[in-house]
Protein backbone atom coordinates (compact mmCIF):
# COMPACT_ATOMS: atom_id res chain seq x y z
CA MET A 1 124.01 38.66 34.90
CA ALA A 2 121.81 41.40 36.30
CA ASN A 3 124.99 43.09 37.47
CA GLN A 4 126.45 43.03 33.94
CA ILE A 5 123.25 44.54 32.45
CA SER A 6 123.23 47.33 35.01
CA ASN A 7 126.87 48.06 34.15
CA ILE A 8 126.20 48.16 30.40
CA SER A 9 123.11 50.30 30.55
CA PRO A 10 124.80 53.37 32.04
CA LYS A 11 127.60 53.07 29.46
CA ILE A 12 125.13 52.88 26.59
CA LEU A 13 123.17 55.73 28.11
CA ILE A 14 126.30 57.90 28.34
CA ILE A 15 127.40 57.05 24.79
CA THR A 16 123.91 57.78 23.50
CA LEU A 17 123.75 61.12 25.29
CA ILE A 18 127.20 62.10 24.05
CA SER A 19 126.23 61.09 20.52
CA ILE A 20 123.03 63.15 20.62
CA GLY A 21 124.88 66.12 22.05
CA PHE A 22 127.60 65.80 19.40
CA ASN A 23 125.08 65.68 16.55
CA ASN A 24 123.10 68.63 17.86
CA TYR A 25 126.24 70.69 18.31
CA PHE A 26 128.02 69.99 15.04
CA LEU A 27 125.20 69.50 12.56
CA PRO A 28 123.38 72.63 11.43
CA ILE A 29 120.00 72.85 13.08
CA ASP A 30 118.30 74.07 9.93
CA ALA A 31 119.84 71.46 7.61
CA GLU A 32 116.43 69.82 7.35
CA GLU A 33 114.44 72.97 8.04
CA THR A 34 111.61 73.71 5.62
CA GLY A 35 108.41 75.69 5.51
CA LYS A 36 107.64 78.89 7.32
CA ALA A 37 110.56 78.40 9.72
CA LEU A 38 113.06 78.23 6.84
CA ILE A 39 111.49 81.20 5.09
CA GLU A 40 111.69 83.30 8.26
CA SER A 41 115.22 82.23 9.25
CA THR A 42 116.47 82.82 5.70
CA CYS A 43 114.76 86.17 5.29
CA LYS A 44 116.10 87.37 8.65
CA LYS A 45 119.51 87.31 6.97
CA THR A 46 118.39 89.74 4.25
CA GLN A 47 118.21 93.50 4.12
CA TYR A 48 114.41 93.62 3.73
CA PRO A 49 113.11 90.65 5.74
CA ALA A 50 109.39 91.52 5.70
CA GLU A 51 109.38 91.93 1.93
CA CYS A 52 111.46 88.78 1.53
CA ILE A 53 108.98 86.77 3.61
CA SER A 54 106.04 88.18 1.67
CA ALA A 55 107.63 87.36 -1.70
CA LEU A 56 108.59 83.82 -0.75
CA GLU A 57 105.32 83.02 1.00
CA SER A 58 103.45 84.03 -2.15
CA ASP A 59 104.82 80.87 -3.79
CA PRO A 60 103.30 77.67 -2.34
CA GLY A 61 106.47 75.75 -3.21
CA SER A 62 108.36 77.75 -0.60
CA PHE A 63 106.62 75.88 2.18
CA THR A 64 108.10 72.52 1.18
CA ALA A 65 111.45 73.69 -0.20
CA ASN A 66 114.86 73.29 1.37
CA LEU A 67 117.33 76.21 1.24
CA THR A 68 118.39 75.44 -2.34
CA GLY A 69 114.78 75.23 -3.51
CA LEU A 70 113.87 78.38 -1.64
CA THR A 71 116.77 80.20 -3.27
CA ARG A 72 115.62 79.03 -6.72
CA ILE A 73 112.19 80.44 -5.95
CA ALA A 74 113.77 83.77 -4.96
CA VAL A 75 115.63 83.93 -8.29
CA GLU A 76 112.41 83.07 -10.14
CA LYS A 77 110.59 85.82 -8.22
CA SER A 78 113.33 88.27 -9.23
CA ALA A 79 112.95 87.26 -12.88
CA SER A 80 109.17 87.67 -12.70
CA LYS A 81 109.47 91.05 -11.02
CA LEU A 82 111.93 92.16 -13.71
CA VAL A 83 109.47 91.24 -16.48
CA GLU A 84 106.64 92.96 -14.61
CA THR A 85 108.77 96.10 -14.21
CA LEU A 86 109.73 95.98 -17.87
CA HIS A 87 106.04 95.91 -18.89
CA ILE A 88 105.30 98.91 -16.69
CA VAL A 89 108.26 100.84 -18.11
CA GLU A 90 107.14 99.95 -21.65
CA THR A 91 103.69 101.37 -20.88
CA LEU A 92 105.30 104.52 -19.51
CA VAL A 93 107.40 104.83 -22.69
CA LEU A 94 104.28 104.58 -24.85
CA ASN A 95 102.50 107.22 -22.77
CA ALA A 96 105.38 109.67 -22.33
CA THR A 97 104.31 113.23 -23.11
CA ASP A 98 107.70 114.86 -23.60
CA TYR A 99 110.92 113.90 -25.28
CA LEU A 100 113.19 114.03 -22.18
CA THR A 101 110.93 111.74 -20.17
CA TRP A 102 110.56 109.42 -23.17
CA GLY A 103 114.35 109.26 -23.61
CA PHE A 104 114.90 108.49 -19.94
CA LEU A 105 112.26 105.77 -20.00
CA VAL A 106 113.64 104.24 -23.20
CA ASN A 107 117.03 103.99 -21.53
CA CYS A 108 115.51 102.21 -18.51
CA ARG A 109 113.46 99.93 -20.79
CA ASP A 110 116.51 98.98 -22.83
CA THR A 111 118.54 98.26 -19.71
CA TYR A 112 115.77 96.04 -18.36
CA ASN A 113 115.40 94.34 -21.76
CA ILE A 114 119.08 93.40 -21.63
CA SER A 115 118.61 92.07 -18.10
CA VAL A 116 115.87 89.57 -19.03
CA PRO A 117 118.14 87.11 -20.89
CA GLN A 118 120.81 87.64 -18.23
CA ILE A 119 118.56 86.47 -15.42
CA GLN A 120 117.28 83.61 -17.59
CA ARG A 121 120.90 82.48 -17.98
CA GLY A 122 121.21 82.90 -14.22
CA LEU A 123 118.34 80.47 -13.69
CA GLN A 124 120.03 77.99 -16.03
CA ALA A 125 123.29 78.44 -14.12
CA PHE A 126 121.42 77.83 -10.87
CA ASP A 127 120.09 74.55 -12.23
CA ARG A 128 123.69 73.54 -13.02
CA LEU A 129 124.57 74.45 -9.40
CA LYS A 130 126.67 77.42 -10.52
CA PHE A 131 125.32 79.65 -7.80
CA ASP A 132 128.02 82.28 -8.32
CA LYS A 133 126.89 82.77 -11.94
CA SER A 134 123.28 82.97 -10.83
CA TYR A 135 124.32 85.57 -8.26
CA GLU A 136 126.01 87.62 -10.98
CA SER A 137 122.85 87.60 -13.10
CA VAL A 138 120.70 88.83 -10.22
CA GLU A 139 123.34 91.42 -9.41
CA ALA A 140 123.16 92.65 -13.04
CA VAL A 141 119.42 93.22 -12.63
CA ASN A 142 120.05 95.04 -9.37
CA ASN A 143 122.61 97.24 -11.13
CA ALA A 144 120.11 97.95 -13.92
CA VAL A 145 117.68 99.29 -11.32
CA ILE A 146 120.39 101.47 -9.82
CA GLY A 147 121.27 102.76 -13.28
CA CYS A 148 117.66 103.57 -14.05
CA ASP A 149 117.22 105.39 -10.75
CA ARG A 150 120.46 107.37 -11.16
CA GLN A 151 119.01 109.23 -14.10
CA GLY A 152 117.07 111.27 -11.57
CA TRP A 153 113.58 111.23 -13.01
CA ALA A 154 110.98 111.17 -10.27
CA LEU A 155 108.01 109.32 -11.74
CA PRO A 156 106.09 107.90 -8.76
CA ILE A 157 105.08 104.64 -10.45
CA LEU A 158 108.60 104.04 -11.72
CA THR A 159 110.07 104.81 -8.31
CA GLN A 160 107.67 102.32 -6.74
CA VAL A 161 108.36 99.44 -9.14
CA ASN A 162 112.10 100.10 -9.15
CA ARG A 163 112.18 100.05 -5.35
CA ALA A 164 110.34 96.71 -5.28
CA LEU A 165 112.68 95.20 -7.89
CA PHE A 166 115.77 96.58 -6.17
CA ARG A 167 114.77 95.18 -2.78
CA LEU A 168 113.80 91.78 -4.14
CA THR A 169 117.02 91.39 -6.10
CA LYS A 170 119.09 92.62 -3.16
CA ASP A 171 117.48 90.03 -0.87
CA THR A 172 117.85 87.32 -3.53
CA MET A 173 121.56 88.10 -3.78
CA MET A 174 121.91 87.71 -0.02
CA ILE A 175 120.02 84.39 -0.09
CA LEU A 176 122.11 83.16 -3.03
CA HIS A 177 125.23 84.01 -1.06
CA LEU A 178 124.15 81.49 1.58
CA LEU A 179 124.72 78.70 -0.96
CA PHE A 180 128.42 79.44 -1.51
């Protein structure tokens, strides 16, 4: 009997080791990853990793979210940054001192105004697991920033908020792309 047990134990040990090795090789390591490790590994795949990490870590929900939840937070952050940028542009419109600057700012404001319902629809699409539609909505915001910047007006505050919105939406697009 002792001989049979000693024969079975090595077989079970080998099967167990093979099984563990198989699971570690074929299953994604970060499938269950959450918290700071997920934030960092996800943001490393973006164009602006330090800014990505900062944005995501500013939301406490990021520390318990999986990749899908973290991506939702990134889209929400993009929507919030868009609204914040829109308010700043609106203030600049109200305080413009010449017609050309006012016209340029009104164009940017209107483009951002159009983008707000687009990204809201993108959040709704995300909740329906239509990540490609959510991606398109964030991309539309990113394109609005590019369009505003292409007009060539160099207002330091506008340049600063546009850069922040551009980078956040660019990173959000890259994170969204991980879901499809």
